[in-house]
Amino acid sequence: MVAPDGQEDFRAWSRAFNLSGAVLTEVVASSLHYRRTARNVARSGYDHYQINFALFGQCRIRVGQQSMLLRRGEIGILDCLCASDFEVHATQGRLAHTLTLFVPRAALAPLLASPDAARCARMRPGTSAVRLLKSHLVRLLRQAYTMTAAQRDSAAPTLIGLVAEALNAPCEGAAKPTPRASSAASIKCHIERHLHSPALSVKALAIHFGTSRASLYRLFDTEGGLRNYIQQRRLLYAFSWLLSVERTPRRILDLALDCRFASDATFNRAFRREFGLPPGEARDLARMARNRLDPAPPQSEWSKTVHWIQALGMRRAEGIQGAAASVLRREP
């Protein structure tokens, strides 16, 4: 984290709350800039989504070619596996004020209609789902210090369910999605469910969706092409696997073959191009981060916060995801 050039008077304070399955942080600060590389991601040892709520000031987030501006009162989501630049801008002579919710990928991704849409996206303003999420976050922040253990245990599933609902909800009063956008979303969901299938090919997708190869290529022009999109999703899956403590250890070659690469050498080159480091280094950095959790419990408040965030992806993800899904299915 760095203060912008020329900023002499830099002030910041933050607090974090362990919600037994999510972490809610509040930051009040002068303008600042977070730069997160793939090595930072691996060293952190956690695989989460980051939901950002700009209470005052603005946030600009960049992931590759994608850019998102959050103005006051807006909410966005960022995939923490992605290298990113995160700028917070204080305005009108006041400090910026943001809320950030960290939730495990394993708990949220299965609830999303299109998981890749959560890479770097601003939630549609004006929907009832987003309004409900905003009010719930603010109310939770006000009650955080006095919450009982039972209230903390129930807070994360409710929040994750609301986040999924907000991301999946169509914008009220907006035009219906175009056939092109609807087709691309359906194809992306199909790809996500069949990432490891050897039958996932341009020809197979064209047959399954009853369209031509040319039409498929046009749908994915903005993604760098269909083959590039599939490879990126497979590489992100591999990165997530390397950071996970829950999954069975495996050789890089086995992971490469599971992601449908012809060899570990081909996989290594593609992984390095995508993330800027080889898969073996990502695995080692994540292992070092996990090892830091194993000895004595952390003592300082800051180390406890880091411990919470890291440990979120290592425990209870299935139970949290199941409880969050029940929030989505709740009766109106």
C-alpha atoms as a PDB file:
ATOM      1  CA  MET A   1       0.000   0.000   0.000  1.00  0.00           C
ATOM      2  CA  VAL A   2       1.378   3.428  -0.931  1.00  0.00           C
ATOM      3  CA  ALA A   3       0.192   7.011  -0.600  1.00  0.00           C
ATOM      4  CA  PRO A   4      -0.181   8.808  -3.954  1.00  0.00           C
ATOM      5  CA  ASP A   5       2.731  10.951  -5.106  1.00  0.00           C
ATOM      6  CA  GLY A   6       2.809  14.406  -3.583  1.00  0.00           C
ATOM      7  CA  GLN A   7       0.489  13.516  -0.705  1.00  0.00           C
ATOM      8  CA  GLU A   8       2.233  14.705   2.442  1.00  0.00           C
ATOM      9  CA  ASP A   9      -0.503  14.389   5.052  1.00  0.00           C
ATOM     10  CA  PHE A  10      -1.480  10.714   4.990  1.00  0.00           C
ATOM     11  CA  ARG A  11      -3.933   9.402   7.585  1.00  0.00           C
ATOM     12  CA  ALA A  12      -5.656   6.054   7.892  1.00  0.00           C
ATOM     13  CA  TRP A  13      -7.340   3.782  10.404  1.00  0.00           C
ATOM     14  CA  SER A  14      -9.171   0.496  10.045  1.00  0.00           C
ATOM     15  CA  ARG A  15     -10.994  -2.144  12.042  1.00  0.00           C
ATOM     16  CA  ALA A  16     -11.961  -5.714  11.174  1.00  0.00           C
ATOM     17  CA  PHE A  17     -14.662  -8.066  12.432  1.00  0.00           C
ATOM     18  CA  ASN A  18     -14.549 -11.856  12.336  1.00  0.00           C
ATOM     19  CA  LEU A  19     -17.979 -13.081  11.221  1.00  0.00           C
ATOM     20  CA  SER A  20     -17.166 -16.806  11.498  1.00  0.00           C
ATOM     21  CA  GLY A  21     -17.070 -17.364   7.747  1.00  0.00           C
ATOM     22  CA  ALA A  22     -16.408 -13.867   6.431  1.00  0.00           C
ATOM     23  CA  VAL A  23     -14.405 -10.828   7.452  1.00  0.00           C
ATOM     24  CA  LEU A  24     -15.861  -7.313   7.387  1.00  0.00           C
ATOM     25  CA  THR A  25     -13.355  -4.454   7.403  1.00  0.00           C
ATOM     26  CA  GLU A  26     -13.868  -0.709   7.637  1.00  0.00           C
ATOM     27  CA  VAL A  27     -11.203   1.715   6.395  1.00  0.00           C
ATOM     28  CA  VAL A  28     -11.159   5.500   6.761  1.00  0.00           C
ATOM     29  CA  ALA A  29      -8.152   7.003   4.997  1.00  0.00           C
ATOM     30  CA  SER A  30      -6.571   9.638   2.831  1.00  0.00           C
ATOM     31  CA  SER A  31      -6.223   8.759  -0.851  1.00  0.00           C
ATOM     32  CA  LEU A  32      -4.151   5.602  -1.237  1.00  0.00           C
ATOM     33  CA  HIS A  33      -3.148   2.947  -3.749  1.00  0.00           C
ATOM     34  CA  TYR A  34      -2.981  -0.823  -3.227  1.00  0.00           C
ATOM     35  CA  ARG A  35      -0.940  -2.776  -5.767  1.00  0.00           C
ATOM     36  CA  ARG A  36      -1.411  -6.541  -5.655  1.00  0.00           C
ATOM     37  CA  THR A  37       0.758  -8.831  -7.803  1.00  0.00           C
ATOM     38  CA  ALA A  38       0.368 -12.566  -8.394  1.00  0.00           C
ATOM     39  CA  ARG A  39       3.154 -13.173  -5.867  1.00  0.00           C
ATOM     40  CA  ASN A  40       1.256 -11.102  -3.293  1.00  0.00           C
ATOM     41  CA  VAL A  41      -1.788 -13.263  -4.024  1.00  0.00           C
ATOM     42  CA  ALA A  42       0.141 -16.506  -3.519  1.00  0.00           C
ATOM     43  CA  ARG A  43       1.920 -15.255  -0.390  1.00  0.00           C
ATOM     44  CA  SER A  44      -1.383 -14.204   1.198  1.00  0.00           C
ATOM     45  CA  GLY A  45      -2.559 -17.818   1.188  1.00  0.00           C
ATOM     46  CA  TYR A  46      -6.253 -17.084   0.708  1.00  0.00           C
ATOM     47  CA  ASP A  47      -8.694 -17.506  -2.167  1.00  0.00           C
ATOM     48  CA  HIS A  48     -11.611 -15.121  -1.738  1.00  0.00           C
ATOM     49  CA  TYR A  49     -13.876 -12.564  -3.289  1.00  0.00           C
ATOM     50  CA  GLN A  50     -13.656  -8.988  -2.046  1.00  0.00           C
ATOM     51  CA  ILE A  51     -16.891  -6.960  -1.962  1.00  0.00           C
ATOM     52  CA  ASN A  52     -16.212  -3.218  -1.744  1.00  0.00           C
ATOM     53  CA  PHE A  53     -18.753  -0.593  -0.633  1.00  0.00           C
ATOM     54  CA  ALA A  54     -17.758   3.047  -1.115  1.00  0.00           C
ATOM     55  CA  LEU A  55     -19.426   4.968   1.712  1.00  0.00           C
ATOM     56  CA  PHE A  56     -17.581   8.196   0.906  1.00  0.00           C
ATOM     57  CA  GLY A  57     -15.057   8.991  -1.804  1.00  0.00           C
ATOM     58  CA  GLN A  58     -14.344   6.840  -4.849  1.00  0.00           C
ATOM     59  CA  CYS A  59     -12.547   3.569  -5.604  1.00  0.00           C
ATOM     60  CA  ARG A  60     -11.021   2.634  -8.956  1.00  0.00           C
ATOM     61  CA  ILE A  61     -10.044  -0.994  -9.468  1.00  0.00           C
ATOM     62  CA  ARG A  62      -8.113  -2.388 -12.436  1.00  0.00           C
ATOM     63  CA  VAL A  63      -7.679  -6.058 -13.330  1.00  0.00           C
ATOM     64  CA  GLY A  64      -5.833  -6.538 -16.609  1.00  0.00           C
ATOM     65  CA  GLN A  65      -7.800  -4.628 -19.228  1.00  0.00           C
ATOM     66  CA  GLN A  66     -10.866  -4.316 -16.991  1.00  0.00           C
ATOM     67  CA  SER A  67     -11.492  -1.181 -14.956  1.00  0.00           C
ATOM     68  CA  MET A  68     -14.230  -0.390 -12.459  1.00  0.00           C
ATOM     69  CA  LEU A  69     -15.054   2.940 -10.812  1.00  0.00           C
ATOM     70  CA  LEU A  70     -17.078   2.857  -7.595  1.00  0.00           C
ATOM     71  CA  ARG A  71     -18.645   6.181  -6.697  1.00  0.00           C
ATOM     72  CA  ARG A  72     -20.151   7.039  -3.345  1.00  0.00           C
ATOM     73  CA  GLY A  73     -22.851   4.530  -2.427  1.00  0.00           C
ATOM     74  CA  GLU A  74     -21.843   1.918  -5.014  1.00  0.00           C
ATOM     75  CA  ILE A  75     -20.738  -1.689  -4.481  1.00  0.00           C
ATOM     76  CA  GLY A  76     -18.311  -3.749  -6.555  1.00  0.00           C
ATOM     77  CA  ILE A  77     -16.727  -7.184  -6.389  1.00  0.00           C
ATOM     78  CA  LEU A  78     -13.135  -8.238  -7.045  1.00  0.00           C
ATOM     79  CA  ASP A  79     -11.691 -11.727  -7.424  1.00  0.00           C
ATOM     80  CA  CYS A  80      -8.755 -11.797  -4.996  1.00  0.00           C
ATOM     81  CA  LEU A  81      -6.881 -14.318  -7.164  1.00  0.00           C
ATOM     82  CA  CYS A  82      -6.418 -11.607  -9.783  1.00  0.00           C
ATOM     83  CA  ALA A  83      -3.484  -9.226  -9.736  1.00  0.00           C
ATOM     84  CA  SER A  84      -4.986  -5.762  -9.364  1.00  0.00           C
ATOM     85  CA  ASP A  85      -4.509  -2.049  -8.773  1.00  0.00           C
ATOM     86  CA  PHE A  86      -6.900  -0.584  -6.208  1.00  0.00           C
ATOM     87  CA  GLU A  87      -7.038   3.200  -5.798  1.00  0.00           C
ATOM     88  CA  VAL A  88      -9.050   4.960  -3.107  1.00  0.00           C
ATOM     89  CA  HIS A  89      -9.697   8.659  -3.703  1.00  0.00           C
ATOM     90  CA  ALA A  90     -10.714  10.985  -0.891  1.00  0.00           C
ATOM     91  CA  THR A  91     -12.860  13.869  -2.155  1.00  0.00           C
ATOM     92  CA  GLN A  92     -14.230  17.212  -0.990  1.00  0.00           C
ATOM     93  CA  GLY A  93     -11.582  17.564   1.705  1.00  0.00           C
ATOM     94  CA  ARG A  94     -12.795  14.496   3.580  1.00  0.00           C
ATOM     95  CA  LEU A  95     -11.211  11.119   4.188  1.00  0.00           C
ATOM     96  CA  ALA A  96     -12.440   8.213   2.068  1.00  0.00           C
ATOM     97  CA  HIS A  97     -14.631   5.693   3.886  1.00  0.00           C
ATOM     98  CA  THR A  98     -15.005   2.119   2.608  1.00  0.00           C
ATOM     99  CA  LEU A  99     -16.408  -1.195   3.800  1.00  0.00           C
ATOM    100  CA  THR A 100     -14.893  -4.418   2.479  1.00  0.00           C
ATOM    101  CA  LEU A 101     -16.292  -7.893   2.907  1.00  0.00           C
ATOM    102  CA  PHE A 102     -14.023 -10.922   2.296  1.00  0.00           C
ATOM    103  CA  VAL A 103     -15.831 -14.198   1.528  1.00  0.00           C
ATOM    104  CA  PRO A 104     -14.404 -17.589   0.465  1.00  0.00           C
ATOM    105  CA  ARG A 105     -14.649 -18.500  -3.214  1.00  0.00           C
ATOM    106  CA  ALA A 106     -15.896 -21.973  -2.228  1.00  0.00           C
ATOM    107  CA  ALA A 107     -18.878 -20.408  -0.438  1.00  0.00           C
ATOM    108  CA  LEU A 108     -19.887 -17.824  -3.058  1.00  0.00           C
ATOM    109  CA  ALA A 109     -18.909 -19.115  -6.518  1.00  0.00           C
ATOM    110  CA  PRO A 110     -21.413 -22.033  -6.593  1.00  0.00           C
ATOM    111  CA  LEU A 111     -24.248 -19.538  -6.034  1.00  0.00           C
ATOM    112  CA  LEU A 112     -23.347 -17.296  -8.980  1.00  0.00           C
ATOM    113  CA  ALA A 113     -25.032 -17.564 -12.359  1.00  0.00           C
ATOM    114  CA  SER A 114     -21.708 -16.673 -13.984  1.00  0.00           C
ATOM    115  CA  PRO A 115     -18.681 -16.934 -11.642  1.00  0.00           C
ATOM    116  CA  ASP A 116     -16.339 -15.175 -14.059  1.00  0.00           C
ATOM    117  CA  ALA A 117     -18.574 -12.087 -13.859  1.00  0.00           C
ATOM    118  CA  ALA A 118     -17.223 -11.579 -10.335  1.00  0.00           C
ATOM    119  CA  ARG A 119     -13.659 -11.028 -11.586  1.00  0.00           C
ATOM    120  CA  CYS A 120     -14.036  -7.246 -11.454  1.00  0.00           C
ATOM    121  CA  ALA A 121     -17.585  -5.911 -11.612  1.00  0.00           C
ATOM    122  CA  ARG A 122     -19.752  -3.117 -10.293  1.00  0.00           C
ATOM    123  CA  MET A 123     -23.082  -4.350  -8.965  1.00  0.00           C
ATOM    124  CA  ARG A 124     -26.050  -2.931 -10.815  1.00  0.00           C
ATOM    125  CA  PRO A 125     -27.303   0.120  -8.913  1.00  0.00           C
ATOM    126  CA  GLY A 126     -31.008   0.528  -8.325  1.00  0.00           C
ATOM    127  CA  THR A 127     -31.931  -3.113  -7.755  1.00  0.00           C
ATOM    128  CA  SER A 128     -33.725  -4.139  -4.586  1.00  0.00           C
ATOM    129  CA  ALA A 129     -31.056  -6.804  -3.994  1.00  0.00           C
ATOM    130  CA  VAL A 130     -28.255  -4.217  -3.971  1.00  0.00           C
ATOM    131  CA  ARG A 131     -30.251  -1.864  -1.732  1.00  0.00           C
ATOM    132  CA  LEU A 132     -30.850  -4.714   0.705  1.00  0.00           C
ATOM    133  CA  LEU A 133     -27.150  -5.643   0.705  1.00  0.00           C
ATOM    134  CA  LYS A 134     -26.152  -2.033   1.414  1.00  0.00           C
ATOM    135  CA  SER A 135     -28.531  -1.646   4.341  1.00  0.00           C
ATOM    136  CA  HIS A 136     -27.478  -5.009   5.769  1.00  0.00           C
ATOM    137  CA  LEU A 137     -23.758  -4.114   5.618  1.00  0.00           C
ATOM    138  CA  VAL A 138     -24.314  -0.770   7.356  1.00  0.00           C
ATOM    139  CA  ARG A 139     -26.538  -2.318  10.031  1.00  0.00           C
ATOM    140  CA  LEU A 140     -23.997  -5.086  10.606  1.00  0.00           C
ATOM    141  CA  LEU A 141     -21.198  -2.557  11.027  1.00  0.00           C
ATOM    142  CA  ARG A 142     -23.201  -0.666  13.666  1.00  0.00           C
ATOM    143  CA  GLN A 143     -23.889  -3.871  15.612  1.00  0.00           C
ATOM    144  CA  ALA A 144     -20.474  -5.522  15.142  1.00  0.00           C
ATOM    145  CA  TYR A 145     -19.091  -4.713  18.597  1.00  0.00           C
ATOM    146  CA  THR A 146     -22.095  -6.082  20.453  1.00  0.00           C
ATOM    147  CA  MET A 147     -22.854  -9.189  18.378  1.00  0.00           C
ATOM    148  CA  THR A 148     -23.095 -12.528  20.159  1.00  0.00           C
ATOM    149  CA  ALA A 149     -21.273 -15.640  18.924  1.00  0.00           C
ATOM    150  CA  ALA A 150     -24.549 -16.991  17.509  1.00  0.00           C
ATOM    151  CA  GLN A 151     -25.165 -13.743  15.604  1.00  0.00           C
ATOM    152  CA  ARG A 152     -21.652 -13.847  14.135  1.00  0.00           C
ATOM    153  CA  ASP A 153     -22.166 -17.457  13.014  1.00  0.00           C
ATOM    154  CA  SER A 154     -25.348 -16.551  11.132  1.00  0.00           C
ATOM    155  CA  ALA A 155     -24.014 -13.292   9.662  1.00  0.00           C
ATOM    156  CA  ALA A 156     -21.754 -14.765   6.952  1.00  0.00           C
ATOM    157  CA  PRO A 157     -24.318 -17.052   5.242  1.00  0.00           C
ATOM    158  CA  THR A 158     -26.846 -14.224   5.148  1.00  0.00           C
ATOM    159  CA  LEU A 159     -24.327 -11.791   3.649  1.00  0.00           C
ATOM    160  CA  ILE A 160     -23.075 -14.306   1.081  1.00  0.00           C
ATOM    161  CA  GLY A 161     -26.634 -15.091   0.026  1.00  0.00           C
ATOM    162  CA  LEU A 162     -27.363 -11.371  -0.393  1.00  0.00           C
ATOM    163  CA  VAL A 163     -24.162 -10.857  -2.414  1.00  0.00           C
ATOM    164  CA  ALA A 164     -25.103 -13.712  -4.754  1.00  0.00           C
ATOM    165  CA  GLU A 165     -28.632 -12.338  -5.131  1.00  0.00           C
ATOM    166  CA  ALA A 166     -27.281  -8.864  -5.927  1.00  0.00           C
ATOM    167  CA  LEU A 167     -24.876 -10.211  -8.556  1.00  0.00           C
ATOM    168  CA  ASN A 168     -27.476 -12.462 -10.176  1.00  0.00           C
ATOM    169  CA  ALA A 169     -30.351  -9.972 -10.169  1.00  0.00           C
ATOM    170  CA  PRO A 170     -31.290  -8.128 -13.373  1.00  0.00           C
ATOM    171  CA  CYS A 171     -31.320  -4.358 -13.144  1.00  0.00           C
ATOM    172  CA  GLU A 172     -34.803  -3.053 -12.371  1.00  0.00           C
ATOM    173  CA  GLY A 173     -36.186  -0.862 -15.146  1.00  0.00           C
ATOM    174  CA  ALA A 174     -33.320  -1.743 -17.473  1.00  0.00           C
ATOM    175  CA  ALA A 175     -33.712  -3.223 -20.911  1.00  0.00           C
ATOM    176  CA  LYS A 176     -33.685  -6.989 -21.146  1.00  0.00           C
ATOM    177  CA  PRO A 177     -30.341  -8.569 -22.024  1.00  0.00           C
ATOM    178  CA  THR A 178     -29.735  -8.867 -25.744  1.00  0.00           C
ATOM    179  CA  PRO A 179     -29.771 -12.350 -27.304  1.00  0.00           C
ATOM    180  CA  ARG A 180     -26.017 -11.975 -27.808  1.00  0.00           C
ATOM    181  CA  ALA A 181     -25.408 -11.250 -24.105  1.00  0.00           C
ATOM    182  CA  SER A 182     -27.763 -14.040 -23.017  1.00  0.00           C
ATOM    183  CA  SER A 183     -26.016 -16.519 -25.309  1.00  0.00           C
ATOM    184  CA  ALA A 184     -22.575 -15.557 -24.012  1.00  0.00           C
ATOM    185  CA  ALA A 185     -23.752 -15.953 -20.385  1.00  0.00           C
ATOM    186  CA  SER A 186     -25.217 -19.399 -21.089  1.00  0.00           C
ATOM    187  CA  ILE A 187     -22.065 -20.547 -22.845  1.00  0.00           C
ATOM    188  CA  LYS A 188     -19.865 -19.267 -19.991  1.00  0.00           C
ATOM    189  CA  CYS A 189     -21.933 -21.196 -17.448  1.00  0.00           C
ATOM    190  CA  HIS A 190     -21.593 -24.333 -19.581  1.00  0.00           C
ATOM    191  CA  ILE A 191     -17.828 -23.837 -19.839  1.00  0.00           C
ATOM    192  CA  GLU A 192     -17.552 -23.387 -16.054  1.00  0.00           C
ATOM    193  CA  ARG A 193     -19.336 -26.706 -15.460  1.00  0.00           C
ATOM    194  CA  HIS A 194     -17.164 -28.578 -17.968  1.00  0.00           C
ATOM    195  CA  LEU A 195     -13.701 -27.054 -17.489  1.00  0.00           C
ATOM    196  CA  HIS A 196     -12.077 -30.471 -17.069  1.00  0.00           C
ATOM    197  CA  SER A 197     -13.910 -32.243 -19.886  1.00  0.00           C
ATOM    198  CA  PRO A 198     -11.822 -33.278 -22.911  1.00  0.00           C
ATOM    199  CA  ALA A 199     -14.968 -32.687 -24.961  1.00  0.00           C
ATOM    200  CA  LEU A 200     -14.928 -28.938 -24.250  1.00  0.00           C
ATOM    201  CA  SER A 201     -14.042 -27.606 -27.686  1.00  0.00           C
ATOM    202  CA  VAL A 202     -15.242 -25.035 -30.188  1.00  0.00           C
ATOM    203  CA  LYS A 203     -16.870 -27.777 -32.260  1.00  0.00           C
ATOM    204  CA  ALA A 204     -18.631 -29.324 -29.246  1.00  0.00           C
ATOM    205  CA  LEU A 205     -19.897 -25.921 -28.052  1.00  0.00           C
ATOM    206  CA  ALA A 206     -21.191 -25.061 -31.543  1.00  0.00           C
ATOM    207  CA  ILE A 207     -23.130 -28.335 -31.674  1.00  0.00           C
ATOM    208  CA  HIS A 208     -24.456 -28.060 -28.110  1.00  0.00           C
ATOM    209  CA  PHE A 209     -25.730 -24.486 -28.589  1.00  0.00           C
ATOM    210  CA  GLY A 210     -26.791 -24.900 -32.213  1.00  0.00           C
ATOM    211  CA  THR A 211     -24.641 -22.104 -33.540  1.00  0.00           C
ATOM    212  CA  SER A 212     -21.747 -21.651 -35.938  1.00  0.00           C
ATOM    213  CA  ARG A 213     -18.079 -21.411 -35.055  1.00  0.00           C
ATOM    214  CA  ALA A 214     -17.998 -17.891 -36.474  1.00  0.00           C
ATOM    215  CA  SER A 215     -20.826 -16.823 -34.160  1.00  0.00           C
ATOM    216  CA  LEU A 216     -19.027 -18.347 -31.173  1.00  0.00           C
ATOM    217  CA  TYR A 217     -15.830 -16.502 -32.033  1.00  0.00           C
ATOM    218  CA  ARG A 218     -17.741 -13.203 -32.328  1.00  0.00           C
ATOM    219  CA  LEU A 219     -19.381 -13.695 -28.916  1.00  0.00           C
ATOM    220  CA  PHE A 220     -15.948 -13.959 -27.287  1.00  0.00           C
ATOM    221  CA  ASP A 221     -14.138 -11.212 -29.197  1.00  0.00           C
ATOM    222  CA  THR A 222     -13.935  -9.037 -26.089  1.00  0.00           C
ATOM    223  CA  GLU A 223     -12.488 -11.969 -24.087  1.00  0.00           C
ATOM    224  CA  GLY A 224      -9.547 -12.400 -26.439  1.00  0.00           C
ATOM    225  CA  GLY A 225     -11.241 -15.282 -28.243  1.00  0.00           C
ATOM    226  CA  LEU A 226     -13.064 -18.426 -27.110  1.00  0.00           C
ATOM    227  CA  ARG A 227      -9.981 -20.634 -26.753  1.00  0.00           C
ATOM    228  CA  ASN A 228      -8.226 -17.912 -24.764  1.00  0.00           C
ATOM    229  CA  TYR A 229     -11.262 -17.547 -22.473  1.00  0.00           C
ATOM    230  CA  ILE A 230     -11.399 -21.297 -21.768  1.00  0.00           C
ATOM    231  CA  GLN A 231      -7.675 -21.388 -21.063  1.00  0.00           C
ATOM    232  CA  GLN A 232      -7.913 -18.404 -18.692  1.00  0.00           C
ATOM    233  CA  ARG A 233     -10.706 -20.081 -16.710  1.00  0.00           C
ATOM    234  CA  ARG A 234      -8.680 -23.288 -16.474  1.00  0.00           C
ATOM    235  CA  LEU A 235      -5.591 -21.406 -15.338  1.00  0.00           C
ATOM    236  CA  LEU A 236      -7.590 -19.550 -12.674  1.00  0.00           C
ATOM    237  CA  TYR A 237      -8.900 -22.895 -11.456  1.00  0.00           C
ATOM    238  CA  ALA A 238      -5.305 -24.177 -11.277  1.00  0.00           C
ATOM    239  CA  PHE A 239      -4.201 -21.106  -9.301  1.00  0.00           C
ATOM    240  CA  SER A 240      -7.088 -21.614  -6.885  1.00  0.00           C
ATOM    241  CA  TRP A 241      -6.130 -25.276  -6.465  1.00  0.00           C
ATOM    242  CA  LEU A 242      -2.500 -24.429  -5.710  1.00  0.00           C
ATOM    243  CA  LEU A 243      -3.583 -22.022  -2.958  1.00  0.00           C
ATOM    244  CA  SER A 244      -6.060 -24.413  -1.337  1.00  0.00           C
ATOM    245  CA  VAL A 245      -5.189 -26.375   1.794  1.00  0.00           C
ATOM    246  CA  GLU A 246      -8.307 -28.540   1.615  1.00  0.00           C
ATOM    247  CA  ARG A 247      -7.528 -30.272  -1.662  1.00  0.00           C
ATOM    248  CA  THR A 248      -5.348 -33.352  -2.041  1.00  0.00           C
ATOM    249  CA  PRO A 249      -1.693 -32.517  -2.885  1.00  0.00           C
ATOM    250  CA  ARG A 250      -0.787 -33.370  -6.460  1.00  0.00           C
ATOM    251  CA  ARG A 251       2.007 -33.028  -8.955  1.00  0.00           C
ATOM    252  CA  ILE A 252       2.104 -30.039 -11.288  1.00  0.00           C
ATOM    253  CA  LEU A 253       1.905 -32.501 -14.200  1.00  0.00           C
ATOM    254  CA  ASP A 254      -1.341 -33.992 -12.860  1.00  0.00           C
ATOM    255  CA  LEU A 255      -2.835 -30.526 -12.450  1.00  0.00           C
ATOM    256  CA  ALA A 256      -1.728 -29.607 -15.987  1.00  0.00           C
ATOM    257  CA  LEU A 257      -3.408 -32.700 -17.443  1.00  0.00           C
ATOM    258  CA  ASP A 258      -6.562 -32.049 -15.421  1.00  0.00           C
ATOM    259  CA  CYS A 259      -6.673 -28.580 -16.994  1.00  0.00           C
ATOM    260  CA  ARG A 260      -6.350 -30.218 -20.431  1.00  0.00           C
ATOM    261  CA  PHE A 261      -2.790 -29.095 -21.195  1.00  0.00           C
ATOM    262  CA  ALA A 262      -0.673 -31.472 -23.269  1.00  0.00           C
ATOM    263  CA  SER A 263       2.321 -31.325 -20.904  1.00  0.00           C
ATOM    264  CA  ASP A 264       3.576 -29.670 -17.744  1.00  0.00           C
ATOM    265  CA  ALA A 265       5.957 -27.545 -19.853  1.00  0.00           C
ATOM    266  CA  THR A 266       3.060 -26.117 -21.880  1.00  0.00           C
ATOM    267  CA  PHE A 267       1.101 -25.535 -18.686  1.00  0.00           C
ATOM    268  CA  ASN A 268       4.065 -23.830 -16.979  1.00  0.00           C
ATOM    269  CA  ARG A 269       4.522 -21.403 -19.884  1.00  0.00           C
ATOM    270  CA  ALA A 270       0.813 -20.507 -19.990  1.00  0.00           C
ATOM    271  CA  PHE A 271       0.638 -20.115 -16.201  1.00  0.00           C
ATOM    272  CA  ARG A 272       3.679 -17.838 -16.164  1.00  0.00           C
ATOM    273  CA  ARG A 273       2.235 -15.694 -18.973  1.00  0.00           C
ATOM    274  CA  GLU A 274      -1.068 -15.339 -17.126  1.00  0.00           C
ATOM    275  CA  PHE A 275       0.188 -14.748 -13.567  1.00  0.00           C
ATOM    276  CA  GLY A 276       3.834 -13.723 -13.890  1.00  0.00           C
ATOM    277  CA  LEU A 277       5.244 -16.651 -11.861  1.00  0.00           C
ATOM    278  CA  PRO A 278       5.532 -20.430 -12.376  1.00  0.00           C
ATOM    279  CA  PRO A 279       2.973 -22.744 -10.736  1.00  0.00           C
ATOM    280  CA  GLY A 280       5.616 -24.345  -8.511  1.00  0.00           C
ATOM    281  CA  GLU A 281       6.478 -20.966  -6.981  1.00  0.00           C
ATOM    282  CA  ALA A 282       2.793 -20.150  -6.436  1.00  0.00           C
ATOM    283  CA  ARG A 283       2.364 -23.474  -4.614  1.00  0.00           C
ATOM    284  CA  ASP A 284       5.452 -22.894  -2.455  1.00  0.00           C
ATOM    285  CA  LEU A 285       4.417 -19.352  -1.509  1.00  0.00           C
ATOM    286  CA  ALA A 286       0.945 -20.553  -0.546  1.00  0.00           C
ATOM    287  CA  ARG A 287       2.441 -23.395   1.507  1.00  0.00           C
ATOM    288  CA  MET A 288       4.636 -20.915   3.376  1.00  0.00           C
ATOM    289  CA  ALA A 289       1.580 -18.768   4.108  1.00  0.00           C
ATOM    290  CA  ARG A 290      -0.320 -21.782   5.469  1.00  0.00           C
ATOM    291  CA  ASN A 291       2.633 -22.850   7.600  1.00  0.00           C
ATOM    292  CA  ARG A 292       2.555 -19.458   9.301  1.00  0.00           C
ATOM    293  CA  LEU A 293      -0.918 -20.324  10.576  1.00  0.00           C
ATOM    294  CA  ASP A 294       0.014 -23.623  12.163  1.00  0.00           C
ATOM    295  CA  PRO A 295       2.230 -22.703  15.173  1.00  0.00           C
ATOM    296  CA  ALA A 296       1.020 -20.596  18.082  1.00  0.00           C
ATOM    297  CA  PRO A 297      -2.094 -18.451  17.615  1.00  0.00           C
ATOM    298  CA  PRO A 298      -1.329 -14.897  16.451  1.00  0.00           C
ATOM    299  CA  GLN A 299      -0.967 -12.325  19.208  1.00  0.00           C
ATOM    300  CA  SER A 300      -1.367  -8.879  17.654  1.00  0.00           C
ATOM    301  CA  GLU A 301      -4.730  -7.576  16.444  1.00  0.00           C
ATOM    302  CA  TRP A 302      -3.359  -7.156  12.903  1.00  0.00           C
ATOM    303  CA  SER A 303      -1.996 -10.708  12.748  1.00  0.00           C
ATOM    304  CA  LYS A 304      -5.332 -11.978  14.048  1.00  0.00           C
ATOM    305  CA  THR A 305      -7.095 -10.201  11.192  1.00  0.00           C
ATOM    306  CA  VAL A 306      -4.740 -11.730   8.620  1.00  0.00           C
ATOM    307  CA  HIS A 307      -5.240 -15.118  10.282  1.00  0.00           C
ATOM    308  CA  TRP A 308      -9.022 -14.789   9.997  1.00  0.00           C
ATOM    309  CA  ILE A 309      -8.864 -13.961   6.297  1.00  0.00           C
ATOM    310  CA  GLN A 310      -6.453 -16.800   5.526  1.00  0.00           C
ATOM    311  CA  ALA A 311      -8.364 -19.342   7.577  1.00  0.00           C
ATOM    312  CA  LEU A 312     -11.717 -18.517   5.968  1.00  0.00           C
ATOM    313  CA  GLY A 313     -10.904 -20.515   2.847  1.00  0.00           C
ATOM    314  CA  MET A 314      -9.670 -23.475   4.856  1.00  0.00           C
ATOM    315  CA  ARG A 315     -12.677 -24.344   7.022  1.00  0.00           C
ATOM    316  CA  ARG A 316     -16.445 -24.694   6.855  1.00  0.00           C
ATOM    317  CA  ALA A 317     -16.774 -23.484   3.247  1.00  0.00           C
ATOM    318  CA  GLU A 318     -19.317 -26.160   2.342  1.00  0.00           C
ATOM    319  CA  GLY A 319     -21.455 -25.439   5.389  1.00  0.00           C
ATOM    320  CA  ILE A 320     -21.335 -21.688   4.756  1.00  0.00           C
ATOM    321  CA  GLN A 321     -22.208 -22.171   1.091  1.00  0.00           C
ATOM    322  CA  GLY A 322     -25.155 -24.403   1.973  1.00  0.00           C
ATOM    323  CA  ALA A 323     -26.510 -21.900   4.497  1.00  0.00           C
ATOM    324  CA  ALA A 324     -26.029 -19.044   2.026  1.00  0.00           C
ATOM    325  CA  ALA A 325     -27.929 -20.993  -0.626  1.00  0.00           C
ATOM    326  CA  SER A 326     -30.866 -21.246   1.776  1.00  0.00           C
ATOM    327  CA  VAL A 327     -30.915 -17.426   1.917  1.00  0.00           C
ATOM    328  CA  LEU A 328     -31.348 -17.353  -1.872  1.00  0.00           C
ATOM    329  CA  ARG A 329     -34.221 -19.816  -1.627  1.00  0.00           C
ATOM    330  CA  ARG A 330     -36.002 -17.966   1.159  1.00  0.00           C
ATOM    331  CA  GLU A 331     -39.672 -17.198   0.754  1.00  0.00           C
ATOM    332  CA  PRO A 332     -40.512 -13.574  -0.171  1.00  0.00           C
END
